[in-house]
PDB file of N, CA and C in Angstrom:
ATOM      1  N   MET A   1     -15.607   3.216 -36.532  1.00  0.00           N
ATOM      2  CA  MET A   1     -15.187   2.150 -35.661  1.00  0.00           C
ATOM      3  C   MET A   1     -14.495   2.742 -34.445  1.00  0.00           C
ATOM      4  N   SER A   2     -15.257   2.936 -33.435  1.00  0.00           N
ATOM      5  CA  SER A   2     -14.657   3.473 -32.220  1.00  0.00           C
ATOM      6  C   SER A   2     -14.413   2.329 -31.237  1.00  0.00           C
ATOM      7  N   LYS A   3     -13.269   2.348 -30.676  1.00  0.00           N
ATOM      8  CA  LYS A   3     -12.912   1.332 -29.693  1.00  0.00           C
ATOM      9  C   LYS A   3     -12.914   1.973 -28.319  1.00  0.00           C
ATOM     10  N   GLU A   4     -13.406   1.224 -27.385  1.00  0.00           N
ATOM     11  CA  GLU A   4     -13.345   1.717 -26.018  1.00  0.00           C
ATOM     12  C   GLU A   4     -11.913   1.618 -25.527  1.00  0.00           C
ATOM     13  N   THR A   5     -11.526   2.614 -24.788  1.00  0.00           N
ATOM     14  CA  THR A   5     -10.175   2.581 -24.242  1.00  0.00           C
ATOM     15  C   THR A   5     -10.236   2.123 -22.796  1.00  0.00           C
ATOM     16  N   LYS A   6      -9.336   1.249 -22.469  1.00  0.00           N
ATOM     17  CA  LYS A   6      -9.253   0.797 -21.089  1.00  0.00           C
ATOM     18  C   LYS A   6      -8.260   1.674 -20.354  1.00  0.00           C
ATOM     19  N   LYS A   7      -8.667   2.089 -19.200  1.00  0.00           N
ATOM     20  CA  LYS A   7      -7.755   2.866 -18.383  1.00  0.00           C
ATOM     21  C   LYS A   7      -6.860   1.911 -17.616  1.00  0.00           C
ATOM     22  N   ASN A   8      -5.622   2.290 -17.522  1.00  0.00           N
ATOM     23  CA  ASN A   8      -4.685   1.497 -16.754  1.00  0.00           C
ATOM     24  C   ASN A   8      -4.911   1.812 -15.283  1.00  0.00           C
ATOM     25  N   ARG A   9      -5.431   0.870 -14.565  1.00  0.00           N
ATOM     26  CA  ARG A   9      -5.768   1.099 -13.169  1.00  0.00           C
ATOM     27  C   ARG A   9      -4.631   0.615 -12.281  1.00  0.00           C
ATOM     28  N   LYS A  10      -3.692   1.474 -12.085  1.00  0.00           N
ATOM     29  CA  LYS A  10      -2.582   1.142 -11.203  1.00  0.00           C
ATOM     30  C   LYS A  10      -2.920   1.638  -9.813  1.00  0.00           C
ATOM     31  N   TYR A  11      -2.656   0.820  -8.864  1.00  0.00           N
ATOM     32  CA  TYR A  11      -2.853   1.223  -7.487  1.00  0.00           C
ATOM     33  C   TYR A  11      -1.600   1.945  -7.030  1.00  0.00           C
ATOM     34  N   THR A  12      -1.801   3.072  -6.426  1.00  0.00           N
ATOM     35  CA  THR A  12      -0.660   3.803  -5.916  1.00  0.00           C
ATOM     36  C   THR A  12      -0.639   3.665  -4.405  1.00  0.00           C
ATOM     37  N   TYR A  13       0.506   3.362  -3.919  1.00  0.00           N
ATOM     38  CA  TYR A  13       0.685   3.174  -2.490  1.00  0.00           C
ATOM     39  C   TYR A  13       1.663   4.214  -1.976  1.00  0.00           C
ATOM     40  N   ASP A  14       1.516   4.556  -0.719  1.00  0.00           N
ATOM     41  CA  ASP A  14       2.396   5.533  -0.092  1.00  0.00           C
ATOM     42  C   ASP A  14       3.792   4.937   0.036  1.00  0.00           C
ATOM     43  N   GLN A  15       4.753   5.603  -0.569  1.00  0.00           N
ATOM     44  CA  GLN A  15       6.116   5.076  -0.601  1.00  0.00           C
ATOM     45  C   GLN A  15       6.744   5.031   0.783  1.00  0.00           C
ATOM     46  N   ARG A  16       6.360   5.950   1.661  1.00  0.00           N
ATOM     47  CA  ARG A  16       6.902   5.930   3.027  1.00  0.00           C
ATOM     48  C   ARG A  16       6.476   4.670   3.755  1.00  0.00           C
ATOM     49  N   ILE A  17       5.237   4.273   3.549  1.00  0.00           N
ATOM     50  CA  ILE A  17       4.734   3.072   4.213  1.00  0.00           C
ATOM     51  C   ILE A  17       5.408   1.838   3.632  1.00  0.00           C
ATOM     52  N   ILE A  18       5.586   1.809   2.325  1.00  0.00           N
ATOM     53  CA  ILE A  18       6.243   0.663   1.694  1.00  0.00           C
ATOM     54  C   ILE A  18       7.668   0.526   2.208  1.00  0.00           C
ATOM     55  N   LYS A  19       8.392   1.642   2.330  1.00  0.00           N
ATOM     56  CA  LYS A  19       9.758   1.586   2.854  1.00  0.00           C
ATOM     57  C   LYS A  19       9.782   1.070   4.288  1.00  0.00           C
ATOM     58  N   ALA A  20       8.807   1.499   5.088  1.00  0.00           N
ATOM     59  CA  ALA A  20       8.742   1.034   6.470  1.00  0.00           C
ATOM     60  C   ALA A  20       8.470  -0.467   6.527  1.00  0.00           C
ATOM     61  N   LEU A  21       7.597  -0.961   5.657  1.00  0.00           N
ATOM     62  CA  LEU A  21       7.299  -2.391   5.633  1.00  0.00           C
ATOM     63  C   LEU A  21       8.490  -3.199   5.132  1.00  0.00           C
ATOM     64  N   VAL A  22       9.243  -2.649   4.190  1.00  0.00           N
ATOM     65  CA  VAL A  22      10.451  -3.322   3.702  1.00  0.00           C
ATOM     66  C   VAL A  22      11.457  -3.464   4.835  1.00  0.00           C
ATOM     67  N   GLU A  23      11.617  -2.400   5.626  1.00  0.00           N
ATOM     68  CA  GLU A  23      12.546  -2.459   6.752  1.00  0.00           C
ATOM     69  C   GLU A  23      12.057  -3.421   7.827  1.00  0.00           C
ATOM     70  N   LYS A  24      10.754  -3.437   8.065  1.00  0.00           N
ATOM     71  CA  LYS A  24      10.204  -4.295   9.117  1.00  0.00           C
ATOM     72  C   LYS A  24      10.343  -5.772   8.768  1.00  0.00           C
ATOM     73  N   TYR A  25       9.989  -6.134   7.546  1.00  0.00           N
ATOM     74  CA  TYR A  25       9.969  -7.541   7.162  1.00  0.00           C
ATOM     75  C   TYR A  25      11.240  -7.998   6.460  1.00  0.00           C
ATOM     76  N   GLY A  26      12.085  -7.077   6.030  1.00  0.00           N
ATOM     77  CA  GLY A  26      13.313  -7.446   5.336  1.00  0.00           C
ATOM     78  C   GLY A  26      13.062  -8.027   3.955  1.00  0.00           C
ATOM     79  N   LEU A  27      12.050  -7.505   3.280  1.00  0.00           N
ATOM     80  CA  LEU A  27      11.683  -7.983   1.948  1.00  0.00           C
ATOM     81  C   LEU A  27      11.973  -6.902   0.915  1.00  0.00           C
ATOM     82  N   THR A  28      11.760  -7.222  -0.340  1.00  0.00           N
ATOM     83  CA  THR A  28      11.968  -6.241  -1.400  1.00  0.00           C
ATOM     84  C   THR A  28      10.706  -5.403  -1.587  1.00  0.00           C
ATOM     85  N   THR A  29      10.885  -4.233  -2.190  1.00  0.00           N
ATOM     86  CA  THR A  29       9.737  -3.364  -2.441  1.00  0.00           C
ATOM     87  C   THR A  29       8.780  -3.997  -3.446  1.00  0.00           C
ATOM     88  N   VAL A  30       9.320  -4.738  -4.385  1.00  0.00           N
ATOM     89  CA  VAL A  30       8.479  -5.402  -5.387  1.00  0.00           C
ATOM     90  C   VAL A  30       7.564  -6.416  -4.704  1.00  0.00           C
ATOM     91  N   TYR A  31       8.117  -7.194  -3.787  1.00  0.00           N
ATOM     92  CA  TYR A  31       7.319  -8.203  -3.093  1.00  0.00           C
ATOM     93  C   TYR A  31       6.235  -7.544  -2.242  1.00  0.00           C
ATOM     94  N   VAL A  32       6.576  -6.448  -1.572  1.00  0.00           N
ATOM     95  CA  VAL A  32       5.586  -5.753  -0.744  1.00  0.00           C
ATOM     96  C   VAL A  32       4.451  -5.227  -1.615  1.00  0.00           C
ATOM     97  N   ARG A  33       4.776  -4.649  -2.769  1.00  0.00           N
ATOM     98  CA  ARG A  33       3.728  -4.165  -3.676  1.00  0.00           C
ATOM     99  C   ARG A  33       2.869  -5.307  -4.199  1.00  0.00           C
ATOM    100  N   GLN A  34       3.494  -6.439  -4.490  1.00  0.00           N
ATOM    101  CA  GLN A  34       2.728  -7.593  -4.957  1.00  0.00           C
ATOM    102  C   GLN A  34       1.781  -8.081  -3.875  1.00  0.00           C
ATOM    103  N   CYS A  35       2.221  -8.056  -2.645  1.00  0.00           N
ATOM    104  CA  CYS A  35       1.355  -8.462  -1.540  1.00  0.00           C
ATOM    105  C   CYS A  35       0.176  -7.506  -1.401  1.00  0.00           C
ATOM    106  N   LEU A  36       0.436  -6.218  -1.540  1.00  0.00           N
ATOM    107  CA  LEU A  36      -0.633  -5.233  -1.410  1.00  0.00           C
ATOM    108  C   LEU A  36      -1.635  -5.322  -2.552  1.00  0.00           C
ATOM    109  N   SER A  37      -1.161  -5.659  -3.742  1.00  0.00           N
ATOM    110  CA  SER A  37      -2.066  -5.739  -4.889  1.00  0.00           C
ATOM    111  C   SER A  37      -2.826  -7.058  -4.941  1.00  0.00           C
ATOM    112  N   GLY A  38      -2.400  -8.042  -4.154  1.00  0.00           N
ATOM    113  CA  GLY A  38      -3.104  -9.314  -4.107  1.00  0.00           C
ATOM    114  C   GLY A  38      -2.501 -10.388  -4.980  1.00  0.00           C
ATOM    115  N   ASN A  39      -1.320 -10.142  -5.544  1.00  0.00           N
ATOM    116  CA  ASN A  39      -0.685 -11.153  -6.388  1.00  0.00           C
ATOM    117  C   ASN A  39      -0.077 -12.287  -5.580  1.00  0.00           C
ATOM    118  N   ASN A  40       0.340 -12.011  -4.361  1.00  0.00           N
ATOM    119  CA  ASN A  40       0.898 -13.047  -3.494  1.00  0.00           C
ATOM    120  C   ASN A  40      -0.086 -13.347  -2.381  1.00  0.00           C
ATOM    121  N   LEU A  41      -0.364 -14.602  -2.205  1.00  0.00           N
ATOM    122  CA  LEU A  41      -1.297 -15.021  -1.171  1.00  0.00           C
ATOM    123  C   LEU A  41      -0.548 -15.876  -0.165  1.00  0.00           C
ATOM    124  N   SER A  42      -0.226 -15.277   0.956  1.00  0.00           N
ATOM    125  CA  SER A  42       0.464 -16.004   2.017  1.00  0.00           C
ATOM    126  C   SER A  42       0.130 -15.338   3.341  1.00  0.00           C
ATOM    127  N   ILE A  43       0.605 -15.933   4.407  1.00  0.00           N
ATOM    128  CA  ILE A  43       0.378 -15.352   5.727  1.00  0.00           C
ATOM    129  C   ILE A  43       1.112 -14.023   5.839  1.00  0.00           C
ATOM    130  N   THR A  44       2.327 -13.982   5.307  1.00  0.00           N
ATOM    131  CA  THR A  44       3.097 -12.738   5.334  1.00  0.00           C
ATOM    132  C   THR A  44       2.390 -11.649   4.534  1.00  0.00           C
ATOM    133  N   ALA A  45       1.807 -12.010   3.417  1.00  0.00           N
ATOM    134  CA  ALA A  45       1.079 -11.031   2.603  1.00  0.00           C
ATOM    135  C   ALA A  45      -0.101 -10.456   3.381  1.00  0.00           C
ATOM    136  N   ASP A  46      -0.799 -11.302   4.124  1.00  0.00           N
ATOM    137  CA  ASP A  46      -1.911 -10.825   4.940  1.00  0.00           C
ATOM    138  C   ASP A  46      -1.428  -9.873   6.029  1.00  0.00           C
ATOM    139  N   LYS A  47      -0.289 -10.196   6.639  1.00  0.00           N
ATOM    140  CA  LYS A  47       0.270  -9.322   7.673  1.00  0.00           C
ATOM    141  C   LYS A  47       0.682  -7.983   7.080  1.00  0.00           C
ATOM    142  N   ILE A  48       1.273  -8.022   5.894  1.00  0.00           N
ATOM    143  CA  ILE A  48       1.705  -6.787   5.235  1.00  0.00           C
ATOM    144  C   ILE A  48       0.497  -5.914   4.908  1.00  0.00           C
ATOM    145  N   LYS A  49      -0.577  -6.529   4.417  1.00  0.00           N
ATOM    146  CA  LYS A  49      -1.792  -5.763   4.102  1.00  0.00           C
ATOM    147  C   LYS A  49      -2.373  -5.105   5.347  1.00  0.00           C
ATOM    148  N   SER A  50      -2.457  -5.865   6.439  1.00  0.00           N
ATOM    149  CA  SER A  50      -3.035  -5.302   7.659  1.00  0.00           C
ATOM    150  C   SER A  50      -2.142  -4.212   8.242  1.00  0.00           C
ATOM    151  N   ASP A  51      -0.816  -4.410   8.198  1.00  0.00           N
ATOM    152  CA  ASP A  51       0.096  -3.373   8.681  1.00  0.00           C
ATOM    153  C   ASP A  51      -0.013  -2.114   7.831  1.00  0.00           C
ATOM    154  N   TYR A  52      -0.131  -2.278   6.521  1.00  0.00           N
ATOM    155  CA  TYR A  52      -0.264  -1.123   5.632  1.00  0.00           C
ATOM    156  C   TYR A  52      -1.526  -0.335   5.982  1.00  0.00           C
ATOM    157  N   LYS A  53      -2.628  -1.038   6.199  1.00  0.00           N
ATOM    158  CA  LYS A  53      -3.881  -0.357   6.527  1.00  0.00           C
ATOM    159  C   LYS A  53      -3.771   0.402   7.843  1.00  0.00           C
ATOM    160  N   GLU A  54      -3.125  -0.212   8.849  1.00  0.00           N
ATOM    161  CA  GLU A  54      -2.966   0.443  10.144  1.00  0.00           C
ATOM    162  C   GLU A  54      -2.112   1.703  10.026  1.00  0.00           C
ATOM    163  N   ILE A  55      -0.996   1.599   9.315  1.00  0.00           N
ATOM    164  CA  ILE A  55      -0.104   2.748   9.168  1.00  0.00           C
ATOM    165  C   ILE A  55      -0.785   3.845   8.353  1.00  0.00           C
ATOM    166  N   ASP A  56      -1.533   3.460   7.329  1.00  0.00           N
ATOM    167  CA  ASP A  56      -2.234   4.442   6.506  1.00  0.00           C
ATOM    168  C   ASP A  56      -3.284   5.182   7.330  1.00  0.00           C
ATOM    169  N   LYS A  57      -4.014   4.467   8.173  1.00  0.00           N
ATOM    170  CA  LYS A  57      -4.999   5.114   9.038  1.00  0.00           C
ATOM    171  C   LYS A  57      -4.322   6.090   9.991  1.00  0.00           C
ATOM    172  N   ALA A  58      -3.157   5.697  10.512  1.00  0.00           N
ATOM    173  CA  ALA A  58      -2.431   6.579  11.425  1.00  0.00           C
ATOM    174  C   ALA A  58      -1.979   7.845  10.706  1.00  0.00           C
ATOM    175  N   PHE A  59      -1.466   7.715   9.484  1.00  0.00           N
ATOM    176  CA  PHE A  59      -1.068   8.889   8.706  1.00  0.00           C
ATOM    177  C   PHE A  59      -2.267   9.793   8.432  1.00  0.00           C
ATOM    178  N   GLN A  60      -3.395   9.205   8.088  1.00  0.00           N
ATOM    179  CA  GLN A  60      -4.594  10.000   7.816  1.00  0.00           C
ATOM    180  C   GLN A  60      -5.047  10.745   9.069  1.00  0.00           C
ATOM    181  N   ALA A  61      -4.987  10.077  10.219  1.00  0.00           N
ATOM    182  CA  ALA A  61      -5.387  10.716  11.470  1.00  0.00           C
ATOM    183  C   ALA A  61      -4.456  11.871  11.813  1.00  0.00           C
ATOM    184  N   ILE A  62      -3.172  11.684  11.593  1.00  0.00           N
ATOM    185  CA  ILE A  62      -2.203  12.743  11.886  1.00  0.00           C
ATOM    186  C   ILE A  62      -2.438  13.947  10.980  1.00  0.00           C
ATOM    187  N   THR A  63      -2.652  13.702   9.698  1.00  0.00           N
ATOM    188  CA  THR A  63      -2.838  14.826   8.771  1.00  0.00           C
ATOM    189  C   THR A  63      -4.135  15.580   9.050  1.00  0.00           C
ATOM    190  N   THR A  64      -5.201  14.872   9.355  1.00  0.00           N
ATOM    191  CA  THR A  64      -6.455  15.569   9.662  1.00  0.00           C
ATOM    192  C   THR A  64      -6.334  16.337  10.967  1.00  0.00           C
ATOM    193  N   ASN A  65      -5.602  15.779  11.931  1.00  0.00           N
ATOM    194  CA  ASN A  65      -5.414  16.461  13.206  1.00  0.00           C
ATOM    195  C   ASN A  65      -4.593  17.734  13.020  1.00  0.00           C
ATOM    196  N   LEU A  66      -3.561  17.673  12.195  1.00  0.00           N
ATOM    197  CA  LEU A  66      -2.737  18.854  11.955  1.00  0.00           C
ATOM    198  C   LEU A  66      -3.486  19.923  11.171  1.00  0.00           C
ATOM    199  N   LEU A  67      -4.361  19.515  10.273  1.00  0.00           N
ATOM    200  CA  LEU A  67      -5.108  20.484   9.482  1.00  0.00           C
ATOM    201  C   LEU A  67      -6.187  21.189  10.299  1.00  0.00           C
ATOM    202  N   LYS A  68      -6.642  20.569  11.373  1.00  0.00           N
ATOM    203  CA  LYS A  68      -7.662  21.183  12.218  1.00  0.00           C
ATOM    204  C   LYS A  68      -7.092  22.343  13.020  1.00  0.00           C
ATOM    205  N   HIS A  69      -5.825  22.275  13.363  1.00  0.00           N
ATOM    206  CA  HIS A  69      -5.228  23.306  14.224  1.00  0.00           C
ATOM    207  C   HIS A  69      -4.570  24.353  13.440  1.00  0.00           C
TER     208      HIS A  69
END
């Protein structure tokens, strides 16, 4: 009797970005994570998701640019 094991699929987010969003919106880290994971559906949650994506793209661009030189 073999049972399939489910992997715990936790999304990991960059803590620096979460801290920046907490400072920007004045919310708790738990609420920001809930917005990113899709548990909260509101206008603020949509703004937080889009801001997270923009900041993440900027971090990725900076790291790739630094690694090229």
